[in-house]
Structure formats: C-alpha cells, structure tokens
C-alpha cells in the first residue's frame, strides 16, 4: 500500500480527507516537492527547489498537525509571529511552529496564507 493511502486510512472523516488534499494541492501548485513518509511518524513533507524542508503535516484521526520547519522560519524571521496572528500557533520542543488543522475550512485558510 502506498504511503498516501496509508495516511488517508488514518484520517477519520471525509472533511479531514479534503483538508489533506487541499494542503497537498496547495503545496504542489506552489512549486514544492512533496515526500510521503510512513510510520513511525507518517507525514507529508514539503521541500523547496533548493531541497530545504519548509513545511510538513502529520495525519491523525481528528486533525492534521501542520509544522512550520526551521528552514522556513530562518528564511522569514517574521513567519512565526505572522502565523500566530492568524492561527493558533504552538511551538514544539525544537522551536518550530505547529498548527492544528481540524477541517477543510482550516486547510483552505492555511493554504491561502502559506501558499499564496
């Protein structure tokens, strides 16, 4: 079974599957290369044309956990504070930004802001 199919099996609702597809499409249409990983930590990782790991998200049954990775934060020092003004942004132990995407509406808002 492909990684993407494994991700979609984890997701608990049709709305969250649409959120997954929205974030995929937004990344691809913005020129990012996507990499799909499987357990122990299944994720969709976004790489820019220099090969820098900019964003990722982890599928879960009730949400997608979207990460703003260090290379994106270093490229734009205001990115974290700008994102925190629009979304509930938490910080992981590594200092990266985390945003919980709980619906297709959340994904559209996030995609419209990050991948404009």
PDB file of N, CA and C in Angstrom:
ATOM      1  N   UNK A   1       0.846  -1.179   0.000  1.00  0.00           N
ATOM      2  CA  UNK A   1       0.000   0.000   0.000  1.00  0.00           C
ATOM      3  C   UNK A   1       0.895   1.247   0.000  1.00  0.00           C
ATOM      4  N   UNK A   2       0.520   2.208  -0.796  1.00  0.00           N
ATOM      5  CA  UNK A   2       1.289   3.447  -0.872  1.00  0.00           C
ATOM      6  C   UNK A   2       1.166   4.256   0.418  1.00  0.00           C
ATOM      7  N   UNK A   3       2.175   5.107   0.640  1.00  0.00           N
ATOM      8  CA  UNK A   3       2.192   5.946   1.840  1.00  0.00           C
ATOM      9  C   UNK A   3       0.951   6.828   1.923  1.00  0.00           C
ATOM     10  N   UNK A   4       0.593   7.451   0.805  1.00  0.00           N
ATOM     11  CA  UNK A   4      -0.567   8.352   0.790  1.00  0.00           C
ATOM     12  C   UNK A   4      -1.836   7.599   1.190  1.00  0.00           C
ATOM     13  N   UNK A   5      -2.010   6.404   0.669  1.00  0.00           N
ATOM     14  CA  UNK A   5      -3.184   5.596   1.014  1.00  0.00           C
ATOM     15  C   UNK A   5      -3.199   5.263   2.503  1.00  0.00           C
ATOM     16  N   UNK A   6      -2.028   4.975   3.055  1.00  0.00           N
ATOM     17  CA  UNK A   6      -1.942   4.705   4.494  1.00  0.00           C
ATOM     18  C   UNK A   6      -2.343   5.940   5.295  1.00  0.00           C
ATOM     19  N   UNK A   7      -1.925   7.115   4.838  1.00  0.00           N
ATOM     20  CA  UNK A   7      -2.310   8.356   5.509  1.00  0.00           C
ATOM     21  C   UNK A   7      -3.821   8.519   5.509  1.00  0.00           C
ATOM     22  N   UNK A   8      -4.430   8.334   4.347  1.00  0.00           N
ATOM     23  CA  UNK A   8      -5.875   8.550   4.234  1.00  0.00           C
ATOM     24  C   UNK A   8      -6.666   7.554   5.070  1.00  0.00           C
ATOM     25  N   UNK A   9      -6.145   6.359   5.269  1.00  0.00           N
ATOM     26  CA  UNK A   9      -6.820   5.379   6.124  1.00  0.00           C
ATOM     27  C   UNK A   9      -6.857   5.810   7.584  1.00  0.00           C
ATOM     28  N   UNK A  10      -5.852   6.579   8.007  1.00  0.00           N
ATOM     29  CA  UNK A  10      -5.767   7.048   9.392  1.00  0.00           C
ATOM     30  C   UNK A  10      -6.808   8.135   9.666  1.00  0.00           C
ATOM     31  N   UNK A  11      -7.074   8.953   8.651  1.00  0.00           N
ATOM     32  CA  UNK A  11      -7.938  10.120   8.815  1.00  0.00           C
ATOM     33  C   UNK A  11      -9.383   9.678   9.034  1.00  0.00           C
ATOM     34  N   UNK A  12     -10.036  10.294  10.016  1.00  0.00           N
ATOM     35  CA  UNK A  12     -11.331   9.826  10.458  1.00  0.00           C
ATOM     36  C   UNK A  12     -12.565  10.393   9.788  1.00  0.00           C
ATOM     37  N   UNK A  13     -12.437  11.399   8.910  1.00  0.00           N
ATOM     38  CA  UNK A  13     -13.639  11.964   8.310  1.00  0.00           C
ATOM     39  C   UNK A  13     -13.380  12.411   6.876  1.00  0.00           C
ATOM     40  N   UNK A  14     -14.448  12.522   6.133  1.00  0.00           N
ATOM     41  CA  UNK A  14     -14.367  12.998   4.748  1.00  0.00           C
ATOM     42  C   UNK A  14     -13.861  14.438   4.706  1.00  0.00           C
ATOM     43  N   UNK A  15     -14.308  15.266   5.638  1.00  0.00           N
ATOM     44  CA  UNK A  15     -13.882  16.661   5.696  1.00  0.00           C
ATOM     45  C   UNK A  15     -12.377  16.767   5.915  1.00  0.00           C
ATOM     46  N   UNK A  16     -11.831  15.918   6.782  1.00  0.00           N
ATOM     47  CA  UNK A  16     -10.392  15.948   7.041  1.00  0.00           C
ATOM     48  C   UNK A  16      -9.612  15.399   5.842  1.00  0.00           C
ATOM     49  N   UNK A  17     -10.184  14.462   5.117  1.00  0.00           N
ATOM     50  CA  UNK A  17      -9.539  13.990   3.879  1.00  0.00           C
ATOM     51  C   UNK A  17      -9.466  15.129   2.861  1.00  0.00           C
ATOM     52  N   UNK A  18     -10.507  15.926   2.798  1.00  0.00           N
ATOM     53  CA  UNK A  18     -10.500  17.089   1.910  1.00  0.00           C
ATOM     54  C   UNK A  18      -9.444  18.092   2.363  1.00  0.00           C
ATOM     55  N   UNK A  19      -9.269  18.248   3.668  1.00  0.00           N
ATOM     56  CA  UNK A  19      -8.217  19.121   4.197  1.00  0.00           C
ATOM     57  C   UNK A  19      -6.849  18.613   3.750  1.00  0.00           C
ATOM     58  N   UNK A  20      -6.628  17.317   3.843  1.00  0.00           N
ATOM     59  CA  UNK A  20      -5.382  16.689   3.404  1.00  0.00           C
ATOM     60  C   UNK A  20      -5.133  17.016   1.930  1.00  0.00           C
ATOM     61  N   UNK A  21      -6.140  16.797   1.104  1.00  0.00           N
ATOM     62  CA  UNK A  21      -5.996  17.044  -0.337  1.00  0.00           C
ATOM     63  C   UNK A  21      -5.790  18.526  -0.640  1.00  0.00           C
ATOM     64  N   UNK A  22      -6.412  19.391   0.129  1.00  0.00           N
ATOM     65  CA  UNK A  22      -6.237  20.840  -0.044  1.00  0.00           C
ATOM     66  C   UNK A  22      -4.789  21.230   0.221  1.00  0.00           C
ATOM     67  N   UNK A  23      -4.215  20.718   1.294  1.00  0.00           N
ATOM     68  CA  UNK A  23      -2.828  21.039   1.611  1.00  0.00           C
ATOM     69  C   UNK A  23      -1.858  20.430   0.598  1.00  0.00           C
ATOM     70  N   UNK A  24      -2.175  19.239   0.112  1.00  0.00           N
ATOM     71  CA  UNK A  24      -1.355  18.645  -0.948  1.00  0.00           C
ATOM     72  C   UNK A  24      -1.351  19.540  -2.189  1.00  0.00           C
ATOM     73  N   UNK A  25      -2.529  19.857  -2.661  1.00  0.00           N
ATOM     74  CA  UNK A  25      -2.678  20.643  -3.884  1.00  0.00           C
ATOM     75  C   UNK A  25      -2.001  22.003  -3.739  1.00  0.00           C
ATOM     76  N   UNK A  26      -2.186  22.647  -2.600  1.00  0.00           N
ATOM     77  CA  UNK A  26      -1.602  23.972  -2.378  1.00  0.00           C
ATOM     78  C   UNK A  26      -0.081  23.912  -2.445  1.00  0.00           C
ATOM     79  N   UNK A  27       0.504  22.913  -1.830  1.00  0.00           N
ATOM     80  CA  UNK A  27       1.952  22.769  -1.870  1.00  0.00           C
ATOM     81  C   UNK A  27       2.463  22.491  -3.270  1.00  0.00           C
ATOM     82  N   UNK A  28       1.833  21.556  -3.963  1.00  0.00           N
ATOM     83  CA  UNK A  28       2.260  21.208  -5.315  1.00  0.00           C
ATOM     84  C   UNK A  28       2.096  22.382  -6.275  1.00  0.00           C
ATOM     85  N   UNK A  29       0.987  23.083  -6.173  1.00  0.00           N
ATOM     86  CA  UNK A  29       0.752  24.195  -7.090  1.00  0.00           C
ATOM     87  C   UNK A  29       1.649  25.390  -6.778  1.00  0.00           C
ATOM     88  N   UNK A  30       2.264  25.408  -5.594  1.00  0.00           N
ATOM     89  CA  UNK A  30       3.198  26.472  -5.236  1.00  0.00           C
ATOM     90  C   UNK A  30       4.644  26.087  -5.533  1.00  0.00           C
ATOM     91  N   UNK A  31       4.829  24.933  -6.145  1.00  0.00           N
ATOM     92  CA  UNK A  31       6.169  24.525  -6.562  1.00  0.00           C
ATOM     93  C   UNK A  31       6.943  23.683  -5.574  1.00  0.00           C
ATOM     94  N   UNK A  32       6.315  23.262  -4.485  1.00  0.00           N
ATOM     95  CA  UNK A  32       7.006  22.404  -3.527  1.00  0.00           C
ATOM     96  C   UNK A  32       7.000  20.960  -4.022  1.00  0.00           C
ATOM     97  N   UNK A  33       8.045  20.239  -3.680  1.00  0.00           N
ATOM     98  CA  UNK A  33       8.107  18.807  -3.921  1.00  0.00           C
ATOM     99  C   UNK A  33       7.625  18.146  -2.641  1.00  0.00           C
ATOM    100  N   UNK A  34       6.723  17.192  -2.763  1.00  0.00           N
ATOM    101  CA  UNK A  34       6.181  16.526  -1.587  1.00  0.00           C
ATOM    102  C   UNK A  34       6.821  15.148  -1.419  1.00  0.00           C
ATOM    103  N   UNK A  35       7.068  14.802  -0.171  1.00  0.00           N
ATOM    104  CA  UNK A  35       7.550  13.462   0.165  1.00  0.00           C
ATOM    105  C   UNK A  35       6.585  12.897   1.211  1.00  0.00           C
ATOM    106  N   UNK A  36       6.162  11.670   1.000  1.00  0.00           N
ATOM    107  CA  UNK A  36       5.242  10.991   1.906  1.00  0.00           C
ATOM    108  C   UNK A  36       6.031   9.959   2.700  1.00  0.00           C
ATOM    109  N   UNK A  37       5.873   9.985   4.026  1.00  0.00           N
ATOM    110  CA  UNK A  37       6.546   9.001   4.866  1.00  0.00           C
ATOM    111  C   UNK A  37       5.501   8.174   5.608  1.00  0.00           C
ATOM    112  N   UNK A  38       5.934   7.038   6.103  1.00  0.00           N
ATOM    113  CA  UNK A  38       5.044   6.141   6.849  1.00  0.00           C
ATOM    114  C   UNK A  38       5.586   5.976   8.268  1.00  0.00           C
ATOM    115  N   UNK A  39       4.875   5.197   9.109  1.00  0.00           N
ATOM    116  CA  UNK A  39       5.306   5.043  10.494  1.00  0.00           C
ATOM    117  C   UNK A  39       6.788   4.729  10.598  1.00  0.00           C
ATOM    118  N   UNK A  40       7.417   5.158  11.680  1.00  0.00           N
ATOM    119  CA  UNK A  40       6.814   5.536  12.944  1.00  0.00           C
ATOM    120  C   UNK A  40       6.140   6.907  12.936  1.00  0.00           C
ATOM    121  N   UNK A  41       6.524   7.837  12.087  1.00  0.00           N
ATOM    122  CA  UNK A  41       5.839   9.127  12.015  1.00  0.00           C
ATOM    123  C   UNK A  41       5.424   9.365  10.566  1.00  0.00           C
ATOM    124  N   UNK A  42       4.158   9.070  10.244  1.00  0.00           N
ATOM    125  CA  UNK A  42       3.700   9.326   8.885  1.00  0.00           C
ATOM    126  C   UNK A  42       3.566  10.829   8.662  1.00  0.00           C
ATOM    127  N   UNK A  43       4.038  11.298   7.516  1.00  0.00           N
ATOM    128  CA  UNK A  43       3.949  12.735   7.255  1.00  0.00           C
ATOM    129  C   UNK A  43       3.956  13.027   5.765  1.00  0.00           C
ATOM    130  N   UNK A  44       3.548  14.249   5.458  1.00  0.00           N
ATOM    131  CA  UNK A  44       3.720  14.827   4.135  1.00  0.00           C
ATOM    132  C   UNK A  44       4.690  15.975   4.344  1.00  0.00           C
ATOM    133  N   UNK A  45       5.840  15.901   3.672  1.00  0.00           N
ATOM    134  CA  UNK A  45       6.892  16.894   3.836  1.00  0.00           C
ATOM    135  C   UNK A  45       7.009  17.732   2.570  1.00  0.00           C
ATOM    136  N   UNK A  46       7.174  19.038   2.743  1.00  0.00           N
ATOM    137  CA  UNK A  46       7.281  19.983   1.639  1.00  0.00           C
ATOM    138  C   UNK A  46       8.728  20.442   1.511  1.00  0.00           C
ATOM    139  N   UNK A  47       9.301  20.283   0.324  1.00  0.00           N
ATOM    140  CA  UNK A  47      10.665  20.721   0.052  1.00  0.00           C
ATOM    141  C   UNK A  47      10.641  21.781  -1.049  1.00  0.00           C
ATOM    142  N   UNK A  48      11.446  22.833  -0.861  1.00  0.00           N
ATOM    143  CA  UNK A  48      11.517  23.869  -1.886  1.00  0.00           C
ATOM    144  C   UNK A  48      12.496  23.449  -2.983  1.00  0.00           C
ATOM    145  N   UNK A  49      12.710  24.327  -3.959  1.00  0.00           N
ATOM    146  CA  UNK A  49      13.560  23.963  -5.091  1.00  0.00           C
ATOM    147  C   UNK A  49      15.041  23.860  -4.724  1.00  0.00           C
ATOM    148  N   UNK A  50      15.423  24.333  -3.545  1.00  0.00           N
ATOM    149  CA  UNK A  50      16.789  24.151  -3.045  1.00  0.00           C
ATOM    150  C   UNK A  50      16.925  22.860  -2.221  1.00  0.00           C
ATOM    151  N   UNK A  51      15.813  22.176  -2.015  1.00  0.00           N
ATOM    152  CA  UNK A  51      15.823  20.956  -1.222  1.00  0.00           C
ATOM    153  C   UNK A  51      15.645  21.188   0.266  1.00  0.00           C
ATOM    154  N   UNK A  52      15.297  22.442   0.653  1.00  0.00           N
ATOM    155  CA  UNK A  52      15.070  22.735   2.072  1.00  0.00           C
ATOM    156  C   UNK A  52      13.689  22.267   2.502  1.00  0.00           C
ATOM    157  N   UNK A  53      13.642  21.660   3.663  1.00  0.00           N
ATOM    158  CA  UNK A  53      12.404  21.133   4.249  1.00  0.00           C
ATOM    159  C   UNK A  53      11.674  22.296   4.895  1.00  0.00           C
ATOM    160  N   UNK A  54      10.613  22.809   4.251  1.00  0.00           N
ATOM    161  CA  UNK A  54       9.936  24.017   4.705  1.00  0.00           C
ATOM    162  C   UNK A  54       8.756  23.758   5.636  1.00  0.00           C
ATOM    163  N   UNK A  55       7.907  22.824   5.257  1.00  0.00           N
ATOM    164  CA  UNK A  55       6.673  22.547   5.997  1.00  0.00           C
ATOM    165  C   UNK A  55       6.443  21.046   6.005  1.00  0.00           C
ATOM    166  N   UNK A  56       5.543  20.610   6.864  1.00  0.00           N
ATOM    167  CA  UNK A  56       5.085  19.227   6.833  1.00  0.00           C
ATOM    168  C   UNK A  56       3.783  19.133   7.615  1.00  0.00           C
ATOM    169  N   UNK A  57       3.084  18.033   7.425  1.00  0.00           N
ATOM    170  CA  UNK A  57       1.947  17.753   8.300  1.00  0.00           C
ATOM    171  C   UNK A  57       1.843  16.263   8.533  1.00  0.00           C
ATOM    172  N   UNK A  58       1.302  15.961   9.701  1.00  0.00           N
ATOM    173  CA  UNK A  58       1.135  14.579  10.135  1.00  0.00           C
ATOM    174  C   UNK A  58      -0.357  14.287  10.200  1.00  0.00           C
ATOM    175  N   UNK A  59      -0.824  13.268   9.475  1.00  0.00           N
ATOM    176  CA  UNK A  59      -2.237  12.906   9.550  1.00  0.00           C
ATOM    177  C   UNK A  59      -2.554  12.169  10.851  1.00  0.00           C
ATOM    178  N   UNK A  60      -3.673  12.538  11.444  1.00  0.00           N
ATOM    179  CA  UNK A  60      -4.196  11.905  12.647  1.00  0.00           C
ATOM    180  C   UNK A  60      -5.688  11.686  12.441  1.00  0.00           C
ATOM    181  N   UNK A  61      -6.328  10.866  13.245  1.00  0.00           N
ATOM    182  CA  UNK A  61      -7.756  10.612  13.044  1.00  0.00           C
ATOM    183  C   UNK A  61      -8.635  11.866  13.089  1.00  0.00           C
ATOM    184  N   UNK A  62      -8.291  12.855  13.938  1.00  0.00           N
ATOM    185  CA  UNK A  62      -9.174  14.021  14.113  1.00  0.00           C
ATOM    186  C   UNK A  62      -8.555  15.349  13.703  1.00  0.00           C
ATOM    187  N   UNK A  63      -7.305  15.329  13.228  1.00  0.00           N
ATOM    188  CA  UNK A  63      -6.660  16.572  12.797  1.00  0.00           C
ATOM    189  C   UNK A  63      -5.412  16.267  11.966  1.00  0.00           C
ATOM    190  N   UNK A  64      -4.947  17.279  11.276  1.00  0.00           N
ATOM    191  CA  UNK A  64      -3.643  17.249  10.618  1.00  0.00           C
ATOM    192  C   UNK A  64      -2.769  18.196  11.425  1.00  0.00           C
ATOM    193  N   UNK A  65      -1.619  17.749  11.831  1.00  0.00           N
ATOM    194  CA  UNK A  65      -0.715  18.592  12.596  1.00  0.00           C
ATOM    195  C   UNK A  65       0.304  19.172  11.627  1.00  0.00           C
ATOM    196  N   UNK A  66       0.143  20.461  11.314  1.00  0.00           N
ATOM    197  CA  UNK A  66       0.963  21.156  10.331  1.00  0.00           C
ATOM    198  C   UNK A  66       2.146  21.812  11.030  1.00  0.00           C
ATOM    199  N   UNK A  67       3.329  21.639  10.475  1.00  0.00           N
ATOM    200  CA  UNK A  67       4.555  22.191  11.050  1.00  0.00           C
ATOM    201  C   UNK A  67       5.173  23.223  10.121  1.00  0.00           C
ATOM    202  N   UNK A  68       5.632  24.310  10.700  1.00  0.00           N
ATOM    203  CA  UNK A  68       6.470  25.286  10.008  1.00  0.00           C
ATOM    204  C   UNK A  68       7.888  24.974  10.445  1.00  0.00           C
ATOM    205  N   UNK A  69       8.684  24.435   9.529  1.00  0.00           N
ATOM    206  CA  UNK A  69      10.008  23.912   9.855  1.00  0.00           C
ATOM    207  C   UNK A  69      11.069  25.027   9.912  1.00  0.00           C
ATOM    208  N   UNK A  70      12.195  24.698  10.524  1.00  0.00           N
ATOM    209  CA  UNK A  70      13.278  25.674  10.727  1.00  0.00           C
ATOM    210  C   UNK A  70      13.714  26.406   9.457  1.00  0.00           C
ATOM    211  N   UNK A  71      13.930  25.731   8.320  1.00  0.00           N
ATOM    212  CA  UNK A  71      14.360  26.484   7.133  1.00  0.00           C
ATOM    213  C   UNK A  71      13.370  27.581   6.735  1.00  0.00           C
ATOM    214  N   UNK A  72      12.075  27.333   6.891  1.00  0.00           N
ATOM    215  CA  UNK A  72      11.079  28.370   6.587  1.00  0.00           C
ATOM    216  C   UNK A  72      11.174  29.511   7.589  1.00  0.00           C
ATOM    217  N   UNK A  73      11.386  29.183   8.850  1.00  0.00           N
ATOM    218  CA  UNK A  73      11.500  30.210   9.886  1.00  0.00           C
ATOM    219  C   UNK A  73      12.768  31.047   9.709  1.00  0.00           C
ATOM    220  N   UNK A  74      13.849  30.410   9.278  1.00  0.00           N
ATOM    221  CA  UNK A  74      15.094  31.151   9.045  1.00  0.00           C
ATOM    222  C   UNK A  74      14.987  32.037   7.806  1.00  0.00           C
ATOM    223  N   UNK A  75      14.260  31.567   6.797  1.00  0.00           N
ATOM    224  CA  UNK A  75      14.107  32.345   5.565  1.00  0.00           C
ATOM    225  C   UNK A  75      13.256  33.592   5.798  1.00  0.00           C
ATOM    226  N   UNK A  76      12.305  33.494   6.720  1.00  0.00           N
ATOM    227  CA  UNK A  76      11.432  34.628   7.032  1.00  0.00           C
ATOM    228  C   UNK A  76      11.291  34.726   8.553  1.00  0.00           C
ATOM    229  N   UNK A  77      12.101  35.565   9.187  1.00  0.00           N
ATOM    230  CA  UNK A  77      12.081  35.668  10.650  1.00  0.00           C
ATOM    231  C   UNK A  77      10.732  36.100  11.232  1.00  0.00           C
ATOM    232  N   UNK A  78       9.876  36.710  10.430  1.00  0.00           N
ATOM    233  CA  UNK A  78       8.555  37.144  10.908  1.00  0.00           C
ATOM    234  C   UNK A  78       7.468  36.093  10.707  1.00  0.00           C
ATOM    235  N   UNK A  79       7.823  34.998  10.079  1.00  0.00           N
ATOM    236  CA  UNK A  79       6.825  33.996   9.713  1.00  0.00           C
ATOM    237  C   UNK A  79       6.053  33.474  10.921  1.00  0.00           C
ATOM    238  N   UNK A  80       6.755  33.163  11.992  1.00  0.00           N
ATOM    239  CA  UNK A  80       6.085  32.596  13.167  1.00  0.00           C
ATOM    240  C   UNK A  80       5.122  33.606  13.792  1.00  0.00           C
ATOM    241  N   UNK A  81       5.551  34.840  13.958  1.00  0.00           N
ATOM    242  CA  UNK A  81       4.674  35.842  14.567  1.00  0.00           C
ATOM    243  C   UNK A  81       3.511  36.190  13.643  1.00  0.00           C
ATOM    244  N   UNK A  82       3.760  36.240  12.338  1.00  0.00           N
ATOM    245  CA  UNK A  82       2.676  36.494  11.382  1.00  0.00           C
ATOM    246  C   UNK A  82       1.652  35.358  11.409  1.00  0.00           C
ATOM    247  N   UNK A  83       2.130  34.130  11.454  1.00  0.00           N
ATOM    248  CA  UNK A  83       1.224  32.976  11.517  1.00  0.00           C
ATOM    249  C   UNK A  83       0.438  32.974  12.816  1.00  0.00           C
ATOM    250  N   UNK A  84       1.100  33.333  13.916  1.00  0.00           N
ATOM    251  CA  UNK A  84       0.432  33.347  15.225  1.00  0.00           C
ATOM    252  C   UNK A  84      -0.663  34.402  15.288  1.00  0.00           C
ATOM    253  N   UNK A  85      -0.568  35.439  14.465  1.00  0.00           N
ATOM    254  CA  UNK A  85      -1.611  36.465  14.428  1.00  0.00           C
ATOM    255  C   UNK A  85      -2.870  35.954  13.743  1.00  0.00           C
ATOM    256  N   UNK A  86      -2.738  34.915  12.920  1.00  0.00           N
ATOM    257  CA  UNK A  86      -3.875  34.402  12.156  1.00  0.00           C
ATOM    258  C   UNK A  86      -4.375  33.040  12.612  1.00  0.00           C
ATOM    259  N   UNK A  87      -3.500  32.246  13.182  1.00  0.00           N
ATOM    260  CA  UNK A  87      -3.829  30.870  13.553  1.00  0.00           C
ATOM    261  C   UNK A  87      -3.405  30.625  14.999  1.00  0.00           C
ATOM    262  N   UNK A  88      -3.955  29.584  15.596  1.00  0.00           N
ATOM    263  CA  UNK A  88      -3.474  29.158  16.909  1.00  0.00           C
ATOM    264  C   UNK A  88      -2.178  28.415  16.644  1.00  0.00           C
ATOM    265  N   UNK A  89      -1.082  29.045  16.983  1.00  0.00           N
ATOM    266  CA  UNK A  89       0.242  28.502  16.703  1.00  0.00           C
ATOM    267  C   UNK A  89       0.903  28.103  18.003  1.00  0.00           C
ATOM    268  N   UNK A  90       1.283  26.846  18.080  1.00  0.00           N
ATOM    269  CA  UNK A  90       2.023  26.361  19.235  1.00  0.00           C
ATOM    270  C   UNK A  90       3.450  26.117  18.792  1.00  0.00           C
ATOM    271  N   UNK A  91       4.320  25.922  19.736  1.00  0.00           N
ATOM    272  CA  UNK A  91       5.714  25.670  19.421  1.00  0.00           C
ATOM    273  C   UNK A  91       6.098  24.297  19.940  1.00  0.00           C
ATOM    274  N   UNK A  92       6.790  23.512  19.103  1.00  0.00           N
ATOM    275  CA  UNK A  92       7.263  22.214  19.577  1.00  0.00           C
ATOM    276  C   UNK A  92       8.579  22.394  20.328  1.00  0.00           C
ATOM    277  N   UNK A  93       9.131  21.316  20.843  1.00  0.00           N
ATOM    278  CA  UNK A  93      10.375  21.386  21.629  1.00  0.00           C
ATOM    279  C   UNK A  93      11.552  21.912  20.819  1.00  0.00           C
ATOM    280  N   UNK A  94      11.479  21.798  19.493  1.00  0.00           N
ATOM    281  CA  UNK A  94      12.563  22.261  18.624  1.00  0.00           C
ATOM    282  C   UNK A  94      12.388  23.723  18.225  1.00  0.00           C
ATOM    283  N   UNK A  95      11.301  24.358  18.674  1.00  0.00           N
ATOM    284  CA  UNK A  95      11.072  25.761  18.339  1.00  0.00           C
ATOM    285  C   UNK A  95      10.363  25.971  17.019  1.00  0.00           C
ATOM    286  N   UNK A  96       9.845  24.915  16.428  1.00  0.00           N
ATOM    287  CA  UNK A  96       9.100  25.024  15.178  1.00  0.00           C
ATOM    288  C   UNK A  96       7.631  25.313  15.481  1.00  0.00           C
ATOM    289  N   UNK A  97       6.944  25.925  14.527  1.00  0.00           N
ATOM    290  CA  UNK A  97       5.532  26.231  14.711  1.00  0.00           C
ATOM    291  C   UNK A  97       4.650  25.046  14.389  1.00  0.00           C
ATOM    292  N   UNK A  98       3.590  24.882  15.167  1.00  0.00           N
ATOM    293  CA  UNK A  98       2.608  23.809  14.957  1.00  0.00           C
ATOM    294  C   UNK A  98       1.217  24.426  14.872  1.00  0.00           C
ATOM    295  N   UNK A  99       0.464  23.979  13.882  1.00  0.00           N
ATOM    296  CA  UNK A  99      -0.913  24.435  13.710  1.00  0.00           C
ATOM    297  C   UNK A  99      -1.787  23.205  13.539  1.00  0.00           C
ATOM    298  N   UNK A 100      -2.847  23.121  14.332  1.00  0.00           N
ATOM    299  CA  UNK A 100      -3.789  22.010  14.208  1.00  0.00           C
ATOM    300  C   UNK A 100      -4.814  22.356  13.131  1.00  0.00           C
ATOM    301  N   UNK A 101      -4.911  21.508  12.116  1.00  0.00           N
ATOM    302  CA  UNK A 101      -5.888  21.658  11.044  1.00  0.00           C
ATOM    303  C   UNK A 101      -6.973  20.628  11.316  1.00  0.00           C
ATOM    304  N   UNK A 102      -8.181  21.112  11.625  1.00  0.00           N
ATOM    305  CA  UNK A 102      -9.263  20.209  12.026  1.00  0.00           C
ATOM    306  C   UNK A 102     -10.372  20.074  10.985  1.00  0.00           C
ATOM    307  N   UNK A 103     -10.259  20.838   9.882  1.00  0.00           N
ATOM    308  CA  UNK A 103     -11.315  20.800   8.867  1.00  0.00           C
ATOM    309  C   UNK A 103     -10.772  21.291   7.535  1.00  0.00           C
ATOM    310  N   UNK A 104     -11.552  21.066   6.489  1.00  0.00           N
ATOM    311  CA  UNK A 104     -11.191  21.585   5.171  1.00  0.00           C
ATOM    312  C   UNK A 104     -11.157  23.111   5.199  1.00  0.00           C
ATOM    313  N   UNK A 105     -12.016  23.703   5.958  1.00  0.00           N
ATOM    314  CA  UNK A 105     -12.018  25.171   6.088  1.00  0.00           C
ATOM    315  C   UNK A 105     -10.690  25.660   6.673  1.00  0.00           C
ATOM    316  N   UNK A 106     -10.212  24.998   7.712  1.00  0.00           N
ATOM    317  CA  UNK A 106      -8.905  25.338   8.288  1.00  0.00           C
ATOM    318  C   UNK A 106      -7.802  25.202   7.242  1.00  0.00           C
ATOM    319  N   UNK A 107      -7.861  24.110   6.473  1.00  0.00           N
ATOM    320  CA  UNK A 107      -6.834  23.862   5.448  1.00  0.00           C
ATOM    321  C   UNK A 107      -6.864  24.941   4.369  1.00  0.00           C
ATOM    322  N   UNK A 108      -8.052  25.362   3.955  1.00  0.00           N
ATOM    323  CA  UNK A 108      -8.147  26.419   2.939  1.00  0.00           C
ATOM    324  C   UNK A 108      -7.562  27.726   3.469  1.00  0.00           C
ATOM    325  N   UNK A 109      -7.850  28.057   4.720  1.00  0.00           N
ATOM    326  CA  UNK A 109      -7.301  29.279   5.309  1.00  0.00           C
ATOM    327  C   UNK A 109      -5.783  29.201   5.389  1.00  0.00           C
ATOM    328  N   UNK A 110      -5.275  28.085   5.840  1.00  0.00           N
ATOM    329  CA  UNK A 110      -3.833  27.895   5.955  1.00  0.00           C
ATOM    330  C   UNK A 110      -3.171  27.924   4.576  1.00  0.00           C
ATOM    331  N   UNK A 111      -3.727  27.203   3.629  1.00  0.00           N
ATOM    332  CA  UNK A 111      -3.167  27.166   2.277  1.00  0.00           C
ATOM    333  C   UNK A 111      -3.192  28.545   1.632  1.00  0.00           C
ATOM    334  N   UNK A 112      -4.266  29.282   1.844  1.00  0.00           N
ATOM    335  CA  UNK A 112      -4.376  30.623   1.271  1.00  0.00           C
ATOM    336  C   UNK A 112      -3.350  31.585   1.830  1.00  0.00           C
ATOM    337  N   UNK A 113      -2.921  31.335   3.031  1.00  0.00           N
ATOM    338  CA  UNK A 113      -1.934  32.222   3.644  1.00  0.00           C
ATOM    339  C   UNK A 113      -0.500  31.770   3.360  1.00  0.00           C
ATOM    340  N   UNK A 114      -0.207  30.480   3.601  1.00  0.00           N
ATOM    341  CA  UNK A 114       1.168  29.995   3.421  1.00  0.00           C
ATOM    342  C   UNK A 114       1.565  29.834   1.963  1.00  0.00           C
ATOM    343  N   UNK A 115       0.646  29.435   1.136  1.00  0.00           N
ATOM    344  CA  UNK A 115       0.989  29.081  -0.240  1.00  0.00           C
ATOM    345  C   UNK A 115       0.378  30.055  -1.243  1.00  0.00           C
ATOM    346  N   UNK A 116       0.424  31.353  -0.930  1.00  0.00           N
ATOM    347  CA  UNK A 116      -0.134  32.354  -1.825  1.00  0.00           C
ATOM    348  C   UNK A 116       0.837  32.790  -2.903  1.00  0.00           C
TER     349      UNK A 116
END
